[in-house]
Amino acid sequence: MNIYVANIPWKATEDQLKELFSQYGEVSSAKVIMDKVTQRSRGFGFVEMSDDGGRNAINELNGRDFLGKNLVVNEARPREERPARSGGFRRND
């Protein structure tokens, strides 16, 4: 099960997130999403674990305080396909 975790404190590490969720079952991965430019946490991440453990973790951790912030925890939705963005400046002469 892939779990979306929001409102993660900026100081939180992936190891701390993994440790928190491992109370409810085996965690196969924990990822805090980082900003590409600043290399600072974007305040959300994903945890992968078994379905049973994942459901328990969602029920127990949603709204729970973690390092001073209340987590938002729910099952991750599949990633949406977005159209490619054209970047750059276009001149109309």
Protein backbone atom coordinates (compact mmCIF):
# COMPACT_ATOMS: atom_id res chain seq x y z
CA MET A 1 0.00 0.00 0.00
CA ASN A 2 1.25 3.48 -0.86
CA ILE A 3 0.43 6.08 1.81
CA TYR A 4 0.46 9.85 1.33
CA VAL A 5 1.68 11.82 4.34
CA ALA A 6 1.21 15.61 4.47
CA ASN A 7 2.13 18.32 6.97
CA ILE A 8 5.50 16.71 7.68
CA PRO A 9 7.77 19.10 9.62
CA TRP A 10 10.67 20.41 7.53
CA LYS A 11 13.18 19.06 10.04
CA ALA A 12 11.84 15.48 9.79
CA THR A 13 14.03 12.85 8.14
CA GLU A 14 13.05 9.80 6.13
CA ASP A 15 14.42 7.61 8.93
CA GLN A 16 12.15 9.32 11.48
CA LEU A 17 9.15 8.87 9.19
CA LYS A 18 10.01 5.20 8.66
CA GLU A 19 10.42 4.68 12.41
CA LEU A 20 7.01 6.27 13.09
CA PHE A 21 5.20 4.05 10.58
CA SER A 22 7.11 0.86 11.49
CA GLN A 23 5.09 0.72 14.73
CA TYR A 24 2.19 -0.53 12.56
CA GLY A 25 4.02 -2.99 10.30
CA GLU A 26 7.00 -3.47 8.04
CA VAL A 27 7.83 -0.35 6.03
CA SER A 28 9.34 -1.08 2.62
CA SER A 29 10.13 2.59 1.91
CA ALA A 30 9.67 6.08 3.32
CA LYS A 31 10.32 9.15 1.19
CA VAL A 32 10.17 12.84 2.09
CA ILE A 33 9.76 14.90 -1.09
CA MET A 34 12.43 17.56 -1.49
CA ASP A 35 12.33 20.79 -3.50
CA LYS A 36 14.65 20.48 -6.52
CA VAL A 37 15.99 24.03 -6.22
CA THR A 38 16.31 24.61 -2.46
CA GLN A 39 16.85 20.95 -1.44
CA ARG A 40 14.45 21.62 1.45
CA SER A 41 11.53 19.40 2.39
CA ARG A 42 8.25 20.24 0.65
CA GLY A 43 6.34 19.04 3.73
CA PHE A 44 4.91 15.84 2.31
CA GLY A 45 6.01 12.34 1.45
CA PHE A 46 5.07 8.73 0.84
CA VAL A 47 5.37 5.52 2.84
CA GLU A 48 5.01 2.03 1.37
CA MET A 49 3.95 -0.85 3.60
CA SER A 50 1.63 -3.87 3.70
CA ASP A 51 -2.13 -3.29 3.31
CA ASP A 52 -3.00 -4.36 6.88
CA GLY A 53 -0.26 -2.32 8.50
CA GLY A 54 -0.99 0.59 6.18
CA ARG A 55 -4.66 0.76 7.12
CA ASN A 56 -3.77 0.66 10.82
CA ALA A 57 -1.16 3.39 10.32
CA ILE A 58 -3.64 5.61 8.46
CA ASN A 59 -6.25 5.20 11.20
CA GLU A 60 -3.79 5.79 14.04
CA LEU A 61 -1.54 8.50 12.60
CA ASN A 62 -3.98 10.78 10.76
CA GLY A 63 -4.16 13.94 12.88
CA ARG A 64 -1.44 12.77 15.27
CA ASP A 65 1.31 15.13 16.41
CA PHE A 66 4.71 14.42 14.85
CA LEU A 67 7.57 16.75 15.82
CA GLY A 68 5.11 19.55 16.57
CA LYS A 69 2.78 19.26 13.54
CA ASN A 70 -0.41 17.25 13.05
CA LEU A 71 0.06 14.79 10.21
CA VAL A 72 -2.45 14.25 7.42
CA VAL A 73 -2.28 10.57 6.44
CA ASN A 74 -4.32 8.78 3.78
CA GLU A 75 -4.02 6.28 0.96
CA ALA A 76 -2.14 7.74 -1.98
CA ARG A 77 -4.05 8.22 -5.21
CA PRO A 78 -2.45 7.17 -8.50
CA ARG A 79 -0.37 9.90 -10.06
CA GLU A 80 -2.20 11.93 -12.70
CA GLU A 81 -0.74 12.29 -16.15
CA ARG A 82 -0.22 15.97 -16.83
CA PRO A 83 0.32 17.54 -20.23
CA ALA A 84 3.88 18.66 -20.86
CA ARG A 85 4.43 22.32 -20.10
CA SER A 86 6.15 24.44 -22.64
CA GLY A 87 8.67 26.61 -20.95
CA GLY A 88 10.45 29.67 -22.10
CA PHE A 89 9.55 32.91 -23.71
CA ARG A 90 7.79 33.19 -27.05
CA ARG A 91 8.02 36.30 -29.08
CA ASN A 92 5.16 37.40 -31.33
CA ASP A 93 6.48 39.61 -34.12
